[in-house]
C-alpha cells in the first residue's frame, strides 16, 4: 500500500490547510458517506501528528500518513490524491496494490 500525492494536491494542502514543511496530514476511515472501497464509510483528512503511522510518504517535507487503526480501509490498495481544478477539491482514487 502506498500514498501518492500529486504536486497539485500538495499545493492544495498548502493553500487550503495552511500546511508547511514539517506538518503531517492524516487520511482516515470516517463513518458515513460512501467510497469505492467500503459502503457506509468515506475518507477523512486532517492535519495531525501520527500516533502509529502504518503507511506514510513525505512530499516536499510534508508527511502524509494512515494510522495503523485505519489500515483496514485501504487493504491491498494504493491511495492517489489529486485535485479537480474546476472545483478546487481533492480527488481520491484507489488502485489495486
PDB file of N, CA and C in Angstrom:
ATOM      1  N   UNK A   1       0.854  -1.186   0.000  1.00  0.00           N
ATOM      2  CA  UNK A   1       0.000   0.000   0.000  1.00  0.00           C
ATOM      3  C   UNK A   1       0.891   1.238   0.000  1.00  0.00           C
ATOM      4  N   UNK A   2       0.478   2.205  -0.812  1.00  0.00           N
ATOM      5  CA  UNK A   2       1.229   3.448  -0.921  1.00  0.00           C
ATOM      6  C   UNK A   2       0.262   4.626  -0.954  1.00  0.00           C
ATOM      7  N   UNK A   3       0.799   5.778  -0.598  1.00  0.00           N
ATOM      8  CA  UNK A   3       0.081   7.047  -0.741  1.00  0.00           C
ATOM      9  C   UNK A   3       0.848   7.841  -1.794  1.00  0.00           C
ATOM     10  N   UNK A   4       0.158   8.250  -2.840  1.00  0.00           N
ATOM     11  CA  UNK A   4       0.774   9.033  -3.909  1.00  0.00           C
ATOM     12  C   UNK A   4       0.056  10.379  -3.960  1.00  0.00           C
ATOM     13  N   UNK A   5       0.796  11.457  -3.677  1.00  0.00           N
ATOM     14  CA  UNK A   5       0.229  12.807  -3.620  1.00  0.00           C
ATOM     15  C   UNK A   5       0.797  13.613  -4.784  1.00  0.00           C
ATOM     16  N   UNK A   6      -0.080  14.140  -5.631  1.00  0.00           N
ATOM     17  CA  UNK A   6       0.374  14.949  -6.770  1.00  0.00           C
ATOM     18  C   UNK A   6       0.885  16.306  -6.271  1.00  0.00           C
ATOM     19  N   UNK A   7       1.659  16.962  -7.128  1.00  0.00           N
ATOM     20  CA  UNK A   7       2.142  18.310  -6.807  1.00  0.00           C
ATOM     21  C   UNK A   7       0.969  19.266  -6.615  1.00  0.00           C
ATOM     22  N   UNK A   8      -0.071  19.103  -7.430  1.00  0.00           N
ATOM     23  CA  UNK A   8      -1.260  19.959  -7.318  1.00  0.00           C
ATOM     24  C   UNK A   8      -1.955  19.757  -5.967  1.00  0.00           C
ATOM     25  N   UNK A   9      -2.007  18.503  -5.521  1.00  0.00           N
ATOM     26  CA  UNK A   9      -2.616  18.228  -4.219  1.00  0.00           C
ATOM     27  C   UNK A   9      -1.768  18.813  -3.095  1.00  0.00           C
ATOM     28  N   UNK A  10      -0.456  18.702  -3.202  1.00  0.00           N
ATOM     29  CA  UNK A  10       0.418  19.310  -2.190  1.00  0.00           C
ATOM     30  C   UNK A  10       0.154  20.810  -2.105  1.00  0.00           C
ATOM     31  N   UNK A  11       0.044  21.474  -3.256  1.00  0.00           N
ATOM     32  CA  UNK A  11      -0.254  22.914  -3.266  1.00  0.00           C
ATOM     33  C   UNK A  11      -1.624  23.194  -2.646  1.00  0.00           C
ATOM     34  N   UNK A  12      -2.603  22.315  -2.898  1.00  0.00           N
ATOM     35  CA  UNK A  12      -3.936  22.477  -2.298  1.00  0.00           C
ATOM     36  C   UNK A  12      -3.818  22.442  -0.771  1.00  0.00           C
ATOM     37  N   UNK A  13      -3.081  21.483  -0.234  1.00  0.00           N
ATOM     38  CA  UNK A  13      -2.897  21.387   1.226  1.00  0.00           C
ATOM     39  C   UNK A  13      -2.213  22.636   1.771  1.00  0.00           C
ATOM     40  N   UNK A  14      -1.245  23.160   1.044  1.00  0.00           N
ATOM     41  CA  UNK A  14      -0.542  24.374   1.496  1.00  0.00           C
ATOM     42  C   UNK A  14      -1.491  25.572   1.527  1.00  0.00           C
ATOM     43  N   UNK A  15      -2.330  25.690   0.489  1.00  0.00           N
ATOM     44  CA  UNK A  15      -3.230  26.842   0.407  1.00  0.00           C
ATOM     45  C   UNK A  15      -4.467  26.705   1.295  1.00  0.00           C
ATOM     46  N   UNK A  16      -5.106  25.554   1.274  1.00  0.00           N
ATOM     47  CA  UNK A  16      -6.384  25.375   1.972  1.00  0.00           C
ATOM     48  C   UNK A  16      -6.245  24.989   3.447  1.00  0.00           C
ATOM     49  N   UNK A  17      -5.178  24.251   3.779  1.00  0.00           N
ATOM     50  CA  UNK A  17      -4.999  23.798   5.158  1.00  0.00           C
ATOM     51  C   UNK A  17      -3.768  24.427   5.803  1.00  0.00           C
ATOM     52  N   UNK A  18      -3.167  25.399   5.095  1.00  0.00           N
ATOM     53  CA  UNK A  18      -2.001  26.127   5.604  1.00  0.00           C
ATOM     54  C   UNK A  18      -0.896  25.177   6.057  1.00  0.00           C
ATOM     55  N   UNK A  19      -0.660  24.162   5.243  1.00  0.00           N
ATOM     56  CA  UNK A  19       0.334  23.137   5.542  1.00  0.00           C
ATOM     57  C   UNK A  19       1.726  23.647   5.196  1.00  0.00           C
ATOM     58  N   UNK A  20       2.660  23.395   6.115  1.00  0.00           N
ATOM     59  CA  UNK A  20       4.050  23.791   5.943  1.00  0.00           C
ATOM     60  C   UNK A  20       4.943  22.564   6.005  1.00  0.00           C
ATOM     61  N   UNK A  21       6.165  22.710   5.547  1.00  0.00           N
ATOM     62  CA  UNK A  21       7.144  21.634   5.681  1.00  0.00           C
ATOM     63  C   UNK A  21       7.265  21.275   7.165  1.00  0.00           C
ATOM     64  N   UNK A  22       7.237  19.984   7.468  1.00  0.00           N
ATOM     65  CA  UNK A  22       7.269  19.517   8.850  1.00  0.00           C
ATOM     66  C   UNK A  22       5.905  19.147   9.397  1.00  0.00           C
ATOM     67  N   UNK A  23       4.835  19.559   8.703  1.00  0.00           N
ATOM     68  CA  UNK A  23       3.475  19.200   9.121  1.00  0.00           C
ATOM     69  C   UNK A  23       3.146  17.777   8.676  1.00  0.00           C
ATOM     70  N   UNK A  24       2.103  17.218   9.269  1.00  0.00           N
ATOM     71  CA  UNK A  24       1.632  15.879   8.932  1.00  0.00           C
ATOM     72  C   UNK A  24       0.148  15.928   8.593  1.00  0.00           C
ATOM     73  N   UNK A  25      -0.230  15.180   7.548  1.00  0.00           N
ATOM     74  CA  UNK A  25      -1.621  15.088   7.103  1.00  0.00           C
ATOM     75  C   UNK A  25      -2.057  13.629   7.226  1.00  0.00           C
ATOM     76  N   UNK A  26      -3.149  13.415   7.953  1.00  0.00           N
ATOM     77  CA  UNK A  26      -3.666  12.069   8.179  1.00  0.00           C
ATOM     78  C   UNK A  26      -4.866  11.798   7.278  1.00  0.00           C
ATOM     79  N   UNK A  27      -4.873  10.621   6.642  1.00  0.00           N
ATOM     80  CA  UNK A  27      -6.037  10.111   5.930  1.00  0.00           C
ATOM     81  C   UNK A  27      -6.632   9.015   6.802  1.00  0.00           C
ATOM     82  N   UNK A  28      -7.965   9.043   6.987  1.00  0.00           N
ATOM     83  CA  UNK A  28      -8.578   8.090   7.901  1.00  0.00           C
ATOM     84  C   UNK A  28      -9.964   7.668   7.429  1.00  0.00           C
ATOM     85  N   UNK A  29     -10.389   6.505   7.919  1.00  0.00           N
ATOM     86  CA  UNK A  29     -11.727   5.998   7.614  1.00  0.00           C
ATOM     87  C   UNK A  29     -12.730   6.745   8.476  1.00  0.00           C
ATOM     88  N   UNK A  30     -13.762   7.249   7.840  1.00  0.00           N
ATOM     89  CA  UNK A  30     -14.785   8.040   8.530  1.00  0.00           C
ATOM     90  C   UNK A  30     -16.137   7.363   8.316  1.00  0.00           C
ATOM     91  N   UNK A  31     -16.871   7.162   9.399  1.00  0.00           N
ATOM     92  CA  UNK A  31     -18.187   6.546   9.303  1.00  0.00           C
ATOM     93  C   UNK A  31     -19.145   7.508   8.614  1.00  0.00           C
ATOM     94  N   UNK A  32     -19.866   6.999   7.631  1.00  0.00           N
ATOM     95  CA  UNK A  32     -20.816   7.824   6.885  1.00  0.00           C
ATOM     96  C   UNK A  32     -20.318   8.068   5.483  1.00  0.00           C
ATOM     97  N   UNK A  33     -21.237   8.278   4.592  1.00  0.00           N
ATOM     98  CA  UNK A  33     -20.879   8.515   3.206  1.00  0.00           C
ATOM     99  C   UNK A  33     -20.643   7.209   2.474  1.00  0.00           C
ATOM    100  N   UNK A  34     -19.819   7.290   1.451  1.00  0.00           N
ATOM    101  CA  UNK A  34     -19.558   6.116   0.641  1.00  0.00           C
ATOM    102  C   UNK A  34     -18.215   6.285  -0.043  1.00  0.00           C
ATOM    103  N   UNK A  35     -17.604   5.169  -0.347  1.00  0.00           N
ATOM    104  CA  UNK A  35     -16.360   5.180  -1.102  1.00  0.00           C
ATOM    105  C   UNK A  35     -16.363   3.972  -2.029  1.00  0.00           C
ATOM    106  N   UNK A  36     -15.485   3.953  -3.020  1.00  0.00           N
ATOM    107  CA  UNK A  36     -15.413   2.779  -3.892  1.00  0.00           C
ATOM    108  C   UNK A  36     -14.961   1.517  -3.151  1.00  0.00           C
ATOM    109  N   UNK A  37     -14.353   1.692  -1.987  1.00  0.00           N
ATOM    110  CA  UNK A  37     -13.840   0.544  -1.240  1.00  0.00           C
ATOM    111  C   UNK A  37     -14.825  -0.011  -0.216  1.00  0.00           C
ATOM    112  N   UNK A  38     -15.579   0.879   0.457  1.00  0.00           N
ATOM    113  CA  UNK A  38     -16.457   0.448   1.547  1.00  0.00           C
ATOM    114  C   UNK A  38     -17.730   1.289   1.596  1.00  0.00           C
ATOM    115  N   UNK A  39     -18.872   0.637   1.428  1.00  0.00           N
ATOM    116  CA  UNK A  39     -20.164   1.320   1.569  1.00  0.00           C
ATOM    117  C   UNK A  39     -20.335   1.724   3.036  1.00  0.00           C
ATOM    118  N   UNK A  40     -20.799   2.935   3.272  1.00  0.00           N
ATOM    119  CA  UNK A  40     -21.042   3.407   4.628  1.00  0.00           C
ATOM    120  C   UNK A  40     -19.840   4.081   5.274  1.00  0.00           C
ATOM    121  N   UNK A  41     -18.716   4.134   4.556  1.00  0.00           N
ATOM    122  CA  UNK A  41     -17.517   4.807   5.063  1.00  0.00           C
ATOM    123  C   UNK A  41     -16.959   5.704   3.971  1.00  0.00           C
ATOM    124  N   UNK A  42     -16.365   6.809   4.379  1.00  0.00           N
ATOM    125  CA  UNK A  42     -15.716   7.706   3.437  1.00  0.00           C
ATOM    126  C   UNK A  42     -14.338   8.054   3.979  1.00  0.00           C
ATOM    127  N   UNK A  43     -13.573   8.756   3.172  1.00  0.00           N
ATOM    128  CA  UNK A  43     -12.210   9.110   3.541  1.00  0.00           C
ATOM    129  C   UNK A  43     -12.201  10.486   4.179  1.00  0.00           C
ATOM    130  N   UNK A  44     -11.585  10.577   5.347  1.00  0.00           N
ATOM    131  CA  UNK A  44     -11.409  11.853   6.028  1.00  0.00           C
ATOM    132  C   UNK A  44      -9.958  12.285   5.939  1.00  0.00           C
ATOM    133  N   UNK A  45      -9.724  13.578   6.136  1.00  0.00           N
ATOM    134  CA  UNK A  45      -8.366  14.118   6.106  1.00  0.00           C
ATOM    135  C   UNK A  45      -8.263  15.215   7.150  1.00  0.00           C
ATOM    136  N   UNK A  46      -7.144  15.244   7.870  1.00  0.00           N
ATOM    137  CA  UNK A  46      -6.919  16.305   8.850  1.00  0.00           C
ATOM    138  C   UNK A  46      -5.429  16.492   9.085  1.00  0.00           C
ATOM    139  N   UNK A  47      -5.067  17.675   9.542  1.00  0.00           N
ATOM    140  CA  UNK A  47      -3.678  17.962   9.882  1.00  0.00           C
ATOM    141  C   UNK A  47      -3.479  17.545  11.336  1.00  0.00           C
ATOM    142  N   UNK A  48      -2.614  16.539  11.531  1.00  0.00           N
ATOM    143  CA  UNK A  48      -2.408  15.989  12.872  1.00  0.00           C
ATOM    144  C   UNK A  48      -1.143  15.142  12.873  1.00  0.00           C
ATOM    145  N   UNK A  49      -0.415  15.152  13.975  1.00  0.00           N
ATOM    146  CA  UNK A  49       0.776  14.317  14.112  1.00  0.00           C
ATOM    147  C   UNK A  49       0.363  12.865  14.330  1.00  0.00           C
ATOM    148  N   UNK A  50       1.127  11.912  13.793  1.00  0.00           N
ATOM    149  CA  UNK A  50       0.747  10.497  13.904  1.00  0.00           C
ATOM    150  C   UNK A  50       0.959   9.909  15.293  1.00  0.00           C
ATOM    151  N   UNK A  51       0.120   8.900  15.621  1.00  0.00           N
ATOM    152  CA  UNK A  51       0.317   8.069  16.808  1.00  0.00           C
ATOM    153  C   UNK A  51       1.103   6.831  16.396  1.00  0.00           C
ATOM    154  N   UNK A  52       0.534   6.075  15.451  1.00  0.00           N
ATOM    155  CA  UNK A  52       1.151   4.850  14.937  1.00  0.00           C
ATOM    156  C   UNK A  52       0.946   4.786  13.429  1.00  0.00           C
ATOM    157  N   UNK A  53       1.767   5.500  12.700  1.00  0.00           N
ATOM    158  CA  UNK A  53       1.637   5.513  11.241  1.00  0.00           C
ATOM    159  C   UNK A  53       1.969   4.139  10.679  1.00  0.00           C
ATOM    160  N   UNK A  54       1.056   3.587   9.895  1.00  0.00           N
ATOM    161  CA  UNK A  54       1.270   2.287   9.254  1.00  0.00           C
ATOM    162  C   UNK A  54       1.775   2.466   7.829  1.00  0.00           C
ATOM    163  N   UNK A  55       1.306   3.515   7.173  1.00  0.00           N
ATOM    164  CA  UNK A  55       1.680   3.814   5.795  1.00  0.00           C
ATOM    165  C   UNK A  55       1.990   5.303   5.755  1.00  0.00           C
ATOM    166  N   UNK A  56       3.083   5.674   5.113  1.00  0.00           N
ATOM    167  CA  UNK A  56       3.410   7.090   5.044  1.00  0.00           C
ATOM    168  C   UNK A  56       4.272   7.397   3.833  1.00  0.00           C
ATOM    169  N   UNK A  57       4.207   8.651   3.436  1.00  0.00           N
ATOM    170  CA  UNK A  57       5.079   9.184   2.399  1.00  0.00           C
ATOM    171  C   UNK A  57       5.351  10.638   2.760  1.00  0.00           C
ATOM    172  N   UNK A  58       6.475  11.147   2.311  1.00  0.00           N
ATOM    173  CA  UNK A  58       6.822  12.549   2.534  1.00  0.00           C
ATOM    174  C   UNK A  58       6.978  13.205   1.177  1.00  0.00           C
ATOM    175  N   UNK A  59       6.298  14.326   1.015  1.00  0.00           N
ATOM    176  CA  UNK A  59       6.340  15.075  -0.246  1.00  0.00           C
ATOM    177  C   UNK A  59       6.702  16.512   0.099  1.00  0.00           C
ATOM    178  N   UNK A  60       7.884  16.956  -0.350  1.00  0.00           N
ATOM    179  CA  UNK A  60       8.380  18.314  -0.071  1.00  0.00           C
ATOM    180  C   UNK A  60       8.297  18.670   1.409  1.00  0.00           C
ATOM    181  N   UNK A  61       8.672  17.732   2.265  1.00  0.00           N
ATOM    182  CA  UNK A  61       8.726  17.996   3.694  1.00  0.00           C
ATOM    183  C   UNK A  61       7.427  17.788   4.447  1.00  0.00           C
ATOM    184  N   UNK A  62       6.346  17.470   3.745  1.00  0.00           N
ATOM    185  CA  UNK A  62       5.050  17.226   4.386  1.00  0.00           C
ATOM    186  C   UNK A  62       4.818  15.717   4.448  1.00  0.00           C
ATOM    187  N   UNK A  63       4.523  15.221   5.648  1.00  0.00           N
ATOM    188  CA  UNK A  63       4.245  13.798   5.840  1.00  0.00           C
ATOM    189  C   UNK A  63       2.757  13.534   5.621  1.00  0.00           C
ATOM    190  N   UNK A  64       2.457  12.555   4.780  1.00  0.00           N
ATOM    191  CA  UNK A  64       1.096  12.088   4.555  1.00  0.00           C
ATOM    192  C   UNK A  64       1.056  10.658   5.063  1.00  0.00           C
ATOM    193  N   UNK A  65       0.050  10.327   5.878  1.00  0.00           N
ATOM    194  CA  UNK A  65       0.077   9.011   6.513  1.00  0.00           C
ATOM    195  C   UNK A  65      -1.312   8.453   6.794  1.00  0.00           C
ATOM    196  N   UNK A  66      -1.319   7.148   7.099  1.00  0.00           N
ATOM    197  CA  UNK A  66      -2.512   6.423   7.528  1.00  0.00           C
ATOM    198  C   UNK A  66      -2.140   5.702   8.813  1.00  0.00           C
ATOM    199  N   UNK A  67      -2.952   5.858   9.836  1.00  0.00           N
ATOM    200  CA  UNK A  67      -2.700   5.204  11.123  1.00  0.00           C
ATOM    201  C   UNK A  67      -2.946   3.702  11.019  1.00  0.00           C
ATOM    202  N   UNK A  68      -2.304   2.960  11.867  1.00  0.00           N
ATOM    203  CA  UNK A  68      -2.472   1.510  11.925  1.00  0.00           C
ATOM    204  C   UNK A  68      -3.945   1.132  12.086  1.00  0.00           C
ATOM    205  N   UNK A  69      -4.685   1.869  12.913  1.00  0.00           N
ATOM    206  CA  UNK A  69      -6.098   1.533  13.154  1.00  0.00           C
ATOM    207  C   UNK A  69      -6.991   1.744  11.924  1.00  0.00           C
ATOM    208  N   UNK A  70      -6.527   2.509  10.932  1.00  0.00           N
ATOM    209  CA  UNK A  70      -7.304   2.758   9.716  1.00  0.00           C
ATOM    210  C   UNK A  70      -6.783   1.994   8.504  1.00  0.00           C
ATOM    211  N   UNK A  71      -5.784   1.183   8.710  1.00  0.00           N
ATOM    212  CA  UNK A  71      -5.178   0.438   7.612  1.00  0.00           C
ATOM    213  C   UNK A  71      -6.192  -0.474   6.899  1.00  0.00           C
ATOM    214  N   UNK A  72      -7.173  -1.004   7.626  1.00  0.00           N
ATOM    215  CA  UNK A  72      -8.181  -1.910   7.063  1.00  0.00           C
ATOM    216  C   UNK A  72      -8.912  -1.274   5.872  1.00  0.00           C
ATOM    217  N   UNK A  73      -9.101   0.032   5.935  1.00  0.00           N
ATOM    218  CA  UNK A  73      -9.853   0.736   4.897  1.00  0.00           C
ATOM    219  C   UNK A  73      -9.145   0.649   3.537  1.00  0.00           C
ATOM    220  N   UNK A  74      -7.812   0.595   3.563  1.00  0.00           N
ATOM    221  CA  UNK A  74      -7.004   0.676   2.349  1.00  0.00           C
ATOM    222  C   UNK A  74      -6.385  -0.655   1.927  1.00  0.00           C
ATOM    223  N   UNK A  75      -6.688  -1.747   2.617  1.00  0.00           N
ATOM    224  CA  UNK A  75      -6.024  -3.033   2.378  1.00  0.00           C
ATOM    225  C   UNK A  75      -5.961  -3.351   0.887  1.00  0.00           C
ATOM    226  N   UNK A  76      -4.755  -3.669   0.437  1.00  0.00           N
ATOM    227  CA  UNK A  76      -4.474  -4.061  -0.951  1.00  0.00           C
ATOM    228  C   UNK A  76      -4.711  -2.950  -1.975  1.00  0.00           C
ATOM    229  N   UNK A  77      -4.731  -1.694  -1.525  1.00  0.00           N
ATOM    230  CA  UNK A  77      -4.940  -0.578  -2.456  1.00  0.00           C
ATOM    231  C   UNK A  77      -3.932   0.540  -2.205  1.00  0.00           C
ATOM    232  N   UNK A  78      -3.567   1.227  -3.269  1.00  0.00           N
ATOM    233  CA  UNK A  78      -2.793   2.463  -3.179  1.00  0.00           C
ATOM    234  C   UNK A  78      -3.771   3.625  -3.239  1.00  0.00           C
ATOM    235  N   UNK A  79      -3.467   4.673  -2.499  1.00  0.00           N
ATOM    236  CA  UNK A  79      -4.289   5.889  -2.487  1.00  0.00           C
ATOM    237  C   UNK A  79      -3.597   6.959  -3.322  1.00  0.00           C
ATOM    238  N   UNK A  80      -4.302   7.464  -4.324  1.00  0.00           N
ATOM    239  CA  UNK A  80      -3.810   8.578  -5.139  1.00  0.00           C
ATOM    240  C   UNK A  80      -4.602   9.827  -4.741  1.00  0.00           C
ATOM    241  N   UNK A  81      -3.890  10.905  -4.467  1.00  0.00           N
ATOM    242  CA  UNK A  81      -4.518  12.160  -4.064  1.00  0.00           C
ATOM    243  C   UNK A  81      -4.205  13.205  -5.124  1.00  0.00           C
ATOM    244  N   UNK A  82      -5.255  13.732  -5.765  1.00  0.00           N
ATOM    245  CA  UNK A  82      -5.130  14.733  -6.809  1.00  0.00           C
ATOM    246  C   UNK A  82      -6.117  15.869  -6.525  1.00  0.00           C
ATOM    247  N   UNK A  83      -6.216  16.798  -7.457  1.00  0.00           N
ATOM    248  CA  UNK A  83      -7.132  17.935  -7.322  1.00  0.00           C
ATOM    249  C   UNK A  83      -7.959  18.072  -8.592  1.00  0.00           C
ATOM    250  N   UNK A  84      -9.258  18.325  -8.412  1.00  0.00           N
ATOM    251  CA  UNK A  84     -10.109  18.710  -9.527  1.00  0.00           C
ATOM    252  C   UNK A  84      -9.965  20.229  -9.650  1.00  0.00           C
ATOM    253  N   UNK A  85      -9.274  20.718 -10.691  1.00  0.00           N
ATOM    254  CA  UNK A  85      -9.002  22.157 -10.780  1.00  0.00           C
ATOM    255  C   UNK A  85     -10.251  23.015 -10.964  1.00  0.00           C
ATOM    256  N   UNK A  86     -11.289  22.472 -11.583  1.00  0.00           N
ATOM    257  CA  UNK A  86     -12.513  23.251 -11.793  1.00  0.00           C
ATOM    258  C   UNK A  86     -13.241  23.526 -10.489  1.00  0.00           C
ATOM    259  N   UNK A  87     -13.190  22.564  -9.564  1.00  0.00           N
ATOM    260  CA  UNK A  87     -13.890  22.702  -8.282  1.00  0.00           C
ATOM    261  C   UNK A  87     -12.958  23.041  -7.123  1.00  0.00           C
ATOM    262  N   UNK A  88     -11.647  22.995  -7.376  1.00  0.00           N
ATOM    263  CA  UNK A  88     -10.643  23.186  -6.333  1.00  0.00           C
ATOM    264  C   UNK A  88     -10.901  22.246  -5.151  1.00  0.00           C
ATOM    265  N   UNK A  89     -11.147  20.966  -5.467  1.00  0.00           N
ATOM    266  CA  UNK A  89     -11.408  19.935  -4.458  1.00  0.00           C
ATOM    267  C   UNK A  89     -10.430  18.796  -4.620  1.00  0.00           C
ATOM    268  N   UNK A  90     -10.124  18.147  -3.492  1.00  0.00           N
ATOM    269  CA  UNK A  90      -9.309  16.941  -3.551  1.00  0.00           C
ATOM    270  C   UNK A  90     -10.095  15.820  -4.228  1.00  0.00           C
ATOM    271  N   UNK A  91      -9.380  14.995  -4.967  1.00  0.00           N
ATOM    272  CA  UNK A  91      -9.965  13.820  -5.622  1.00  0.00           C
ATOM    273  C   UNK A  91      -9.125  12.622  -5.202  1.00  0.00           C
ATOM    274  N   UNK A  92      -9.801  11.606  -4.680  1.00  0.00           N
ATOM    275  CA  UNK A  92      -9.120  10.393  -4.253  1.00  0.00           C
ATOM    276  C   UNK A  92      -9.448   9.259  -5.212  1.00  0.00           C
ATOM    277  N   UNK A  93      -8.429   8.542  -5.637  1.00  0.00           N
ATOM    278  CA  UNK A  93      -8.642   7.334  -6.421  1.00  0.00           C
ATOM    279  C   UNK A  93      -7.828   6.218  -5.784  1.00  0.00           C
ATOM    280  N   UNK A  94      -8.307   5.020  -5.990  1.00  0.00           N
ATOM    281  CA  UNK A  94      -7.686   3.842  -5.400  1.00  0.00           C
ATOM    282  C   UNK A  94      -7.333   2.874  -6.513  1.00  0.00           C
ATOM    283  N   UNK A  95      -6.161   2.259  -6.405  1.00  0.00           N
ATOM    284  CA  UNK A  95      -5.780   1.229  -7.361  1.00  0.00           C
ATOM    285  C   UNK A  95      -5.290   0.014  -6.585  1.00  0.00           C
ATOM    286  N   UNK A  96      -5.513  -1.153  -7.153  1.00  0.00           N
ATOM    287  CA  UNK A  96      -5.031  -2.381  -6.528  1.00  0.00           C
ATOM    288  C   UNK A  96      -3.523  -2.301  -6.384  1.00  0.00           C
ATOM    289  N   UNK A  97      -3.031  -2.647  -5.207  1.00  0.00           N
ATOM    290  CA  UNK A  97      -1.588  -2.621  -4.947  1.00  0.00           C
ATOM    291  C   UNK A  97      -0.931  -3.875  -5.494  1.00  0.00           C
TER     292      UNK A  97
END
